């Protein structure tokens, strides 16, 4: 038996209030859904609310002008061009461009709600939808696959700008796209897939801005036996300053367990430290935090030994959370100094030919990097743990 159905206006008010509440405070939903990248972005203060626009732009602070001339005072001589006396204009500042992409869904409710506290019921339905949205966003970023279930199949590299080779309408940037687009110096049979340095990522070609390229290095072996040395080398080579440096390393669960095993057997650590190693789900190493993701997997896209990516390899990825950020477009209600990111499309509506009703919602977002890309790295070539 159900209670009498609420008026559509009462139910719409409850739904709108719940959506605005979770939209302004997604941290609780992030915590409950237990994801890695989105949760870290939030904890590092790297989730930004931006105005609605076509794209997010960041300045590239590399190659900011002509070369300087060195001389002895009072003895300036030589060619005018070589002494910075030419009248040629130089491009001082370049911007990378990350196109904002949107998502939408219906939140469905029965015409008559279950007996009991209807407010809690509505709140839980909205929260469950918010957790699913965040879970989908995590999978879409890590794998490039729009699937809320644990995704199978090849991971996909999506760009951030319509001119990118792998740009797909509606898909935000993916982690493989961030790491590999406009980074390969080898031929890939002429495919316009965005991977080679003469193809753009976020409207920037590595051939034009060399320091736009992430750091890629081959593992010393085909398994994880040399991972400590490989990882330390990658961290040092991708570190340029306190801002431009890797802050986190992400691996698969198998690799993470291998790290724990090697640290316990080879690290000569005190017993209390060894007993608690990995207990919190992360490992400190060389000034970075090693973490794992359930969505990272052995995949052919991480095989950089072959431009055609034919051999499935384990990823070992360095991320700079001083640069990587998630941009969400401001929408929804405002309260307690917070602005929501979910926009409600109209009022509660009845489903055609059904007794259920639904609320339509929309959100816009895009990942971007605002402090360069050369502090990101990939160690490739591990085909076994």
Protein backbone atom coordinates (compact mmCIF):
# COMPACT_ATOMS: atom_id res chain seq x y z
CA UNK A 1 0.00 0.00 0.00
CA UNK A 2 1.30 3.44 -0.85
CA UNK A 3 0.53 6.83 0.51
CA UNK A 4 -1.52 9.17 -1.64
CA UNK A 5 0.63 10.69 -4.35
CA UNK A 6 2.00 14.14 -3.72
CA UNK A 7 1.11 17.03 -5.94
CA UNK A 8 3.59 17.52 -8.75
CA UNK A 9 4.55 20.90 -7.30
CA UNK A 10 5.38 19.42 -3.88
CA UNK A 11 7.43 16.63 -5.40
CA UNK A 12 9.18 19.04 -7.76
CA UNK A 13 10.15 21.24 -4.81
CA UNK A 14 11.62 18.24 -2.95
CA UNK A 15 13.54 17.06 -6.01
CA UNK A 16 14.86 20.53 -6.82
CA UNK A 17 16.01 21.06 -3.24
CA UNK A 18 17.79 17.69 -3.16
CA UNK A 19 19.49 18.30 -6.53
CA UNK A 20 20.72 21.73 -5.47
CA UNK A 21 22.00 20.34 -2.15
CA UNK A 22 24.08 17.57 -3.73
CA UNK A 23 25.09 19.77 -6.65
CA UNK A 24 26.59 22.33 -4.26
CA UNK A 25 28.28 19.66 -2.13
CA UNK A 26 29.41 16.71 -4.27
CA UNK A 27 32.15 15.74 -1.79
CA UNK A 28 29.84 13.50 0.23
CA UNK A 29 28.75 11.66 -2.92
CA UNK A 30 32.39 11.37 -3.96
CA UNK A 31 33.32 9.93 -0.58
CA UNK A 32 30.49 7.41 -0.64
CA UNK A 33 31.21 6.28 -4.20
CA UNK A 34 34.90 5.75 -3.35
CA UNK A 35 36.50 6.98 -6.55
CA UNK A 36 40.15 7.98 -6.89
CA UNK A 37 40.75 10.73 -9.44
CA UNK A 38 37.67 12.83 -8.68
CA UNK A 39 38.20 12.48 -4.93
CA UNK A 40 41.85 13.51 -5.25
CA UNK A 41 40.90 16.46 -7.45
CA UNK A 42 38.51 17.62 -4.74
CA UNK A 43 40.95 17.07 -1.86
CA UNK A 44 43.73 18.91 -3.73
CA UNK A 45 41.47 21.89 -4.44
CA UNK A 46 41.54 21.19 -8.18
CA UNK A 47 37.79 21.29 -8.89
CA UNK A 48 36.93 24.74 -10.25
CA UNK A 49 33.57 26.35 -10.98
CA UNK A 50 33.77 28.36 -14.20
CA UNK A 51 31.42 30.54 -16.21
CA UNK A 52 29.58 28.92 -19.09
CA UNK A 53 31.50 29.30 -22.34
CA UNK A 54 32.67 27.30 -25.34
CA UNK A 55 36.03 26.41 -23.82
CA UNK A 56 38.47 26.87 -20.96
CA UNK A 57 41.76 28.52 -21.98
CA UNK A 58 45.08 28.56 -20.12
CA UNK A 59 48.25 30.45 -21.08
CA UNK A 60 51.30 28.43 -22.11
CA UNK A 61 54.26 29.98 -20.30
CA UNK A 62 56.86 28.43 -22.59
CA UNK A 63 58.79 29.91 -25.52
CA UNK A 64 57.73 33.40 -24.54
CA UNK A 65 59.71 35.45 -27.03
CA UNK A 66 63.03 35.77 -28.83
CA UNK A 67 66.44 34.81 -27.49
CA UNK A 68 68.27 37.36 -25.35
CA UNK A 69 71.58 38.89 -26.48
CA UNK A 70 74.58 38.94 -24.16
CA UNK A 71 77.16 41.69 -24.45
CA UNK A 72 79.83 43.73 -22.68
CA UNK A 73 78.53 47.16 -21.61
CA UNK A 74 79.46 49.99 -24.04
CA UNK A 75 80.60 47.42 -26.64
CA UNK A 76 77.29 46.43 -28.23
CA UNK A 77 77.99 45.58 -31.85
CA UNK A 78 77.14 43.04 -34.50
CA UNK A 79 74.01 42.37 -36.55
CA UNK A 80 70.85 44.22 -35.41
CA UNK A 81 68.76 41.04 -35.52
CA UNK A 82 71.12 39.15 -33.25
CA UNK A 83 71.15 42.05 -30.78
CA UNK A 84 67.35 42.26 -30.40
CA UNK A 85 67.11 45.34 -32.59
CA UNK A 86 64.88 43.86 -35.27
CA UNK A 87 61.32 45.01 -35.88
CA UNK A 88 59.91 41.46 -36.11
CA UNK A 89 56.98 40.80 -33.78
CA UNK A 90 57.13 37.70 -31.57
CA UNK A 91 54.27 35.73 -30.10
CA UNK A 92 54.77 36.12 -26.38
CA UNK A 93 51.85 34.08 -25.08
CA UNK A 94 50.00 31.05 -26.45
CA UNK A 95 46.84 29.54 -25.00
CA UNK A 96 45.78 25.92 -24.88
CA UNK A 97 42.07 25.36 -25.35
CA UNK A 98 39.87 22.74 -23.67
CA UNK A 99 36.36 22.53 -25.09
CA UNK A 100 33.58 22.22 -22.50
CA UNK A 101 31.40 19.14 -22.99
CA UNK A 102 27.95 18.37 -21.57
CA UNK A 103 26.05 15.42 -20.15
CA UNK A 104 22.36 14.89 -19.40
CA UNK A 105 20.00 12.34 -17.89
CA UNK A 106 16.54 11.91 -16.39
CA UNK A 107 15.96 11.27 -12.68
CA UNK A 108 12.84 9.09 -12.54
CA UNK A 109 10.23 8.79 -9.79
CA UNK A 110 7.04 6.73 -9.44
CA UNK A 111 3.76 8.61 -9.41
CA UNK A 112 3.10 7.34 -5.88
CA UNK A 113 6.03 7.30 -3.49
CA UNK A 114 6.74 4.50 -0.99
CA UNK A 115 5.19 4.87 2.47
CA UNK A 116 7.25 6.59 5.12
CA UNK A 117 9.51 9.61 4.96
CA UNK A 118 9.12 10.86 1.39
CA UNK A 119 11.83 13.49 1.85
CA UNK A 120 14.44 10.81 2.62
CA UNK A 121 13.26 8.72 -0.31
CA UNK A 122 13.60 11.61 -2.77
CA UNK A 123 16.97 12.59 -1.31
CA UNK A 124 18.32 9.04 -1.66
CA UNK A 125 17.12 8.74 -5.26
CA UNK A 126 18.88 11.99 -6.15
CA UNK A 127 22.03 10.98 -4.26
CA UNK A 128 22.14 7.61 -6.05
CA UNK A 129 21.93 9.42 -9.40
CA UNK A 130 24.69 11.84 -8.38
CA UNK A 131 26.94 8.93 -7.36
CA UNK A 132 26.31 7.26 -10.73
CA UNK A 133 27.14 10.47 -12.59
CA UNK A 134 30.42 10.83 -10.71
CA UNK A 135 31.23 7.16 -11.27
CA UNK A 136 30.60 7.56 -15.00
CA UNK A 137 32.80 10.66 -15.09
CA UNK A 138 35.64 8.77 -13.37
CA UNK A 139 35.47 5.88 -15.84
CA UNK A 140 35.18 8.22 -18.81
CA UNK A 141 38.31 10.11 -17.75
CA UNK A 142 40.46 7.08 -16.87
CA UNK A 143 39.49 4.82 -19.77
CA UNK A 144 37.78 7.04 -22.33
CA UNK A 145 34.88 4.60 -22.38
CA UNK A 146 31.34 5.86 -21.63
CA UNK A 147 30.27 2.90 -19.51
CA UNK A 148 29.29 3.03 -15.86
CA UNK A 149 30.06 -0.66 -15.42
CA UNK A 150 33.67 -1.76 -15.10
CA UNK A 151 34.74 -1.11 -18.68
CA UNK A 152 36.21 -3.79 -20.86
CA UNK A 153 37.97 -3.35 -24.17
CA UNK A 154 40.59 -0.87 -25.35
CA UNK A 155 41.15 2.38 -23.50
CA UNK A 156 40.58 5.40 -25.72
CA UNK A 157 42.48 8.68 -26.11
CA UNK A 158 40.13 11.64 -26.42
CA UNK A 159 41.32 15.14 -27.14
CA UNK A 160 39.99 18.41 -25.80
CA UNK A 161 39.55 20.54 -28.91
CA UNK A 162 37.75 20.00 -32.24
CA UNK A 163 41.07 20.20 -34.08
CA UNK A 164 42.49 17.25 -32.11
CA UNK A 165 42.74 14.03 -34.05
CA UNK A 166 40.91 12.01 -31.41
CA UNK A 167 38.30 14.58 -30.47
CA UNK A 168 34.85 12.99 -30.21
CA UNK A 169 31.74 15.10 -29.81
CA UNK A 170 30.39 14.82 -26.28
CA UNK A 171 33.44 13.10 -24.78
CA UNK A 172 35.67 15.08 -22.40
CA UNK A 173 39.42 14.63 -22.37
CA UNK A 174 40.59 11.18 -21.25
CA UNK A 175 43.73 10.20 -19.35
CA UNK A 176 45.25 8.42 -22.40
CA UNK A 177 44.59 11.55 -24.46
CA UNK A 178 46.32 13.71 -21.87
CA UNK A 179 49.35 11.41 -21.84
CA UNK A 180 49.73 10.43 -25.50
CA UNK A 181 48.13 12.96 -27.86
CA UNK A 182 50.70 15.05 -29.75
CA UNK A 183 53.56 13.10 -28.16
CA UNK A 184 54.74 10.35 -30.53
CA UNK A 185 57.69 11.18 -32.81
CA UNK A 186 57.17 8.02 -34.87
CA UNK A 187 54.92 7.47 -37.84
CA UNK A 188 51.57 5.87 -37.23
CA UNK A 189 50.73 5.09 -40.86
CA UNK A 190 49.32 8.53 -41.48
CA UNK A 191 46.34 8.06 -39.15
CA UNK A 192 44.85 11.37 -38.02
CA UNK A 193 44.53 10.11 -34.46
CA UNK A 194 46.22 13.00 -32.66
CA UNK A 195 49.20 11.01 -31.40
CA UNK A 196 52.10 12.42 -33.42
CA UNK A 197 53.87 15.66 -32.59
CA UNK A 198 52.59 17.40 -35.72
CA UNK A 199 49.02 16.83 -34.52
CA UNK A 200 47.43 19.01 -31.85
CA UNK A 201 46.37 18.40 -28.28
CA UNK A 202 44.23 21.19 -26.80
CA UNK A 203 45.03 23.20 -29.96
CA UNK A 204 48.80 23.01 -29.29
CA UNK A 205 51.24 20.96 -31.39
CA UNK A 206 54.36 19.63 -29.71
CA UNK A 207 56.28 20.42 -32.90
CA UNK A 208 55.48 24.08 -32.21
CA UNK A 209 55.88 24.04 -28.39
CA UNK A 210 58.38 21.30 -27.50
CA UNK A 211 57.79 21.58 -23.75
CA UNK A 212 54.13 20.65 -24.26
CA UNK A 213 55.14 16.97 -24.45
CA UNK A 214 54.74 14.63 -21.44
CA UNK A 215 57.70 12.49 -20.37
CA UNK A 216 57.71 8.90 -21.67
CA UNK A 217 60.34 6.36 -20.64
CA UNK A 218 60.72 2.64 -21.26
CA UNK A 219 60.88 0.27 -18.30
CA UNK A 220 64.23 -1.44 -17.71
CA UNK A 221 62.58 -4.86 -18.05
CA UNK A 222 59.36 -6.47 -19.16
CA UNK A 223 58.17 -7.07 -15.57
CA UNK A 224 58.06 -4.96 -12.41
CA UNK A 225 61.42 -6.07 -10.95
CA UNK A 226 63.03 -2.70 -11.75
CA UNK A 227 60.07 -0.51 -10.89
CA UNK A 228 61.82 1.39 -8.07
CA UNK A 229 64.61 2.61 -10.32
CA UNK A 230 62.24 3.26 -13.23
CA UNK A 231 59.90 5.25 -11.04
CA UNK A 232 62.63 7.33 -9.43
CA UNK A 233 64.08 8.17 -12.85
CA UNK A 234 60.70 9.24 -14.18
CA UNK A 235 59.95 11.40 -11.10
CA UNK A 236 63.29 13.20 -11.34
CA UNK A 237 63.10 13.77 -15.10
CA UNK A 238 59.53 15.11 -14.92
CA UNK A 239 60.30 17.50 -12.04
CA UNK A 240 61.05 21.12 -12.97
CA UNK A 241 59.86 23.16 -9.99
CA UNK A 242 57.62 22.96 -6.94
CA UNK A 243 54.65 23.50 -9.24
CA UNK A 244 55.81 21.59 -12.29
CA UNK A 245 56.40 18.14 -10.78
CA UNK A 246 54.53 14.85 -10.44
CA UNK A 247 52.52 14.65 -7.23
CA UNK A 248 50.84 11.24 -7.64
CA UNK A 249 51.55 7.97 -9.43
CA UNK A 250 48.68 5.71 -10.50
CA UNK A 251 48.97 2.00 -11.23
CA UNK A 252 46.74 -1.06 -11.44
CA UNK A 253 45.85 -3.05 -8.33
CA UNK A 254 48.25 -5.83 -9.38
CA UNK A 255 51.12 -3.34 -9.63
CA UNK A 256 50.20 -1.73 -6.32
CA UNK A 257 50.35 -5.11 -4.57
CA UNK A 258 53.74 -5.72 -6.22
CA UNK A 259 54.98 -2.40 -4.83
CA UNK A 260 53.90 -3.47 -1.34
CA UNK A 261 55.60 -6.82 -1.71
CA UNK A 262 58.90 -5.29 -2.89
CA UNK A 263 58.88 -2.61 -0.19
CA UNK A 264 58.30 -5.19 2.53
CA UNK A 265 60.94 -7.59 1.28
CA UNK A 266 63.59 -5.18 0.00
CA UNK A 267 62.98 -1.93 1.82
CA UNK A 268 64.66 -2.82 5.16
CA UNK A 269 61.82 -1.00 6.90
CA UNK A 270 61.05 -1.18 10.64
CA UNK A 271 58.40 -3.75 11.54
CA UNK A 272 55.67 -1.20 12.47
CA UNK A 273 56.14 0.65 9.18
CA UNK A 274 56.18 -2.59 7.19
CA UNK A 275 53.01 -3.83 8.91
CA UNK A 276 51.08 -0.65 8.07
CA UNK A 277 52.47 -0.22 4.54
CA UNK A 278 49.57 0.32 2.15
CA UNK A 279 46.99 0.23 4.93
CA UNK A 280 45.64 3.65 3.98
CA UNK A 281 45.43 2.66 0.31
CA UNK A 282 48.42 4.76 -0.79
CA UNK A 283 52.23 4.54 -0.55
CA UNK A 284 54.61 7.52 -0.17
CA UNK A 285 57.65 7.21 -2.43
CA UNK A 286 60.24 9.72 -3.64
CA UNK A 287 58.13 12.74 -2.78
CA UNK A 288 55.00 11.46 -4.54
CA UNK A 289 51.98 9.41 -3.52
CA UNK A 290 51.49 6.03 -5.21
CA UNK A 291 47.82 5.12 -5.63
CA UNK A 292 45.84 2.60 -7.65
CA UNK A 293 42.64 2.73 -9.65
CA UNK A 294 40.20 -0.09 -10.24
CA UNK A 295 39.69 1.26 -13.77
CA UNK A 296 43.32 1.24 -14.84
CA UNK A 297 44.12 -2.04 -16.56
CA UNK A 298 46.69 -3.76 -18.71
CA UNK A 299 45.90 -2.34 -22.13
CA UNK A 300 47.42 -2.04 -25.59
CA UNK A 301 47.24 1.76 -25.59
CA UNK A 302 50.10 1.77 -23.05
CA UNK A 303 52.39 -0.06 -25.50
CA UNK A 304 54.61 2.78 -26.72
CA UNK A 305 57.20 0.42 -28.19
CA UNK A 306 54.94 0.05 -31.23
CA UNK A 307 53.10 2.98 -32.88
CA UNK A 308 50.24 0.63 -33.67
CA UNK A 309 49.83 -0.29 -29.94
CA UNK A 310 49.56 -4.06 -30.37
CA UNK A 311 50.81 -5.48 -27.03
CA UNK A 312 48.85 -5.07 -23.82
CA UNK A 313 51.07 -3.37 -21.21
CA UNK A 314 50.71 -2.25 -17.61
CA UNK A 315 50.40 1.52 -17.11
CA UNK A 316 52.54 3.43 -14.61
CA UNK A 317 51.35 7.01 -14.80
CA UNK A 318 52.64 10.17 -13.14
CA UNK A 319 50.09 12.94 -12.57
CA UNK A 320 50.74 16.54 -11.55
CA UNK A 321 47.78 17.68 -9.48
CA UNK A 322 49.26 21.18 -9.44
CA UNK A 323 48.33 21.30 -13.13
CA UNK A 324 45.47 18.88 -13.78
CA UNK A 325 42.07 20.34 -12.88
CA UNK A 326 38.38 19.62 -13.38
CA UNK A 327 36.29 22.55 -14.60
CA UNK A 328 32.56 22.48 -13.88
CA UNK A 329 30.18 25.11 -15.22
CA UNK A 330 28.25 27.01 -12.57
CA UNK A 331 24.57 26.05 -12.49
CA UNK A 332 21.78 25.29 -10.05
CA UNK A 333 21.06 26.96 -6.74
CA UNK A 334 23.39 29.04 -4.63
CA UNK A 335 23.63 28.60 -0.86
CA UNK A 336 26.15 28.64 1.95
CA UNK A 337 28.64 30.33 -0.34
CA UNK A 338 28.58 27.39 -2.80
CA UNK A 339 27.46 27.20 -6.42
CA UNK A 340 26.05 24.02 -7.91
CA UNK A 341 27.13 22.33 -11.13
CA UNK A 342 23.84 20.58 -12.05
CA UNK A 343 21.33 22.53 -14.11
CA UNK A 344 17.67 21.52 -13.91
CA UNK A 345 15.77 21.56 -17.20
CA UNK A 346 12.24 22.73 -16.44
CA UNK A 347 9.87 21.26 -13.91
CA UNK A 348 8.94 17.65 -13.13
CA UNK A 349 7.35 16.05 -16.21
CA UNK A 350 5.22 12.91 -16.75
CA UNK A 351 6.61 10.12 -18.91
CA UNK A 352 4.65 9.54 -22.12
CA UNK A 353 2.46 6.39 -21.83
CA UNK A 354 3.70 5.73 -18.26
CA UNK A 355 2.68 6.74 -14.76
CA UNK A 356 6.24 7.71 -13.75
CA UNK A 357 7.51 11.27 -13.68
CA UNK A 358 11.02 12.57 -14.32
CA UNK A 359 13.30 15.51 -13.76
CA UNK A 360 15.74 16.37 -16.56
CA UNK A 361 19.21 17.54 -15.53
CA UNK A 362 22.33 18.69 -17.37
CA UNK A 363 25.96 19.40 -16.48
CA UNK A 364 28.98 20.75 -18.35
CA UNK A 365 32.59 20.01 -17.52
CA UNK A 366 36.07 19.48 -18.91
CA UNK A 367 39.45 18.44 -17.56
CA UNK A 368 42.37 20.73 -18.36
CA UNK A 369 45.98 21.48 -17.41
CA UNK A 370 46.90 25.00 -16.33
CA UNK A 371 50.58 24.52 -15.38
CA UNK A 372 51.94 22.63 -18.35
CA UNK A 373 52.03 18.99 -19.44
CA UNK A 374 55.72 18.05 -19.27
CA UNK A 375 55.41 17.10 -15.57
CA UNK A 376 53.17 14.14 -16.48
CA UNK A 377 54.87 10.85 -17.29
CA UNK A 378 54.31 7.30 -18.47
CA UNK A 379 56.58 4.29 -17.87
CA UNK A 380 55.85 1.76 -20.59
CA UNK A 381 56.94 -1.73 -21.52
CA UNK A 382 55.84 -3.80 -18.50
CA UNK A 383 53.88 -6.73 -19.90
CA UNK A 384 53.82 -8.69 -16.63
CA UNK A 385 53.88 -8.00 -12.91
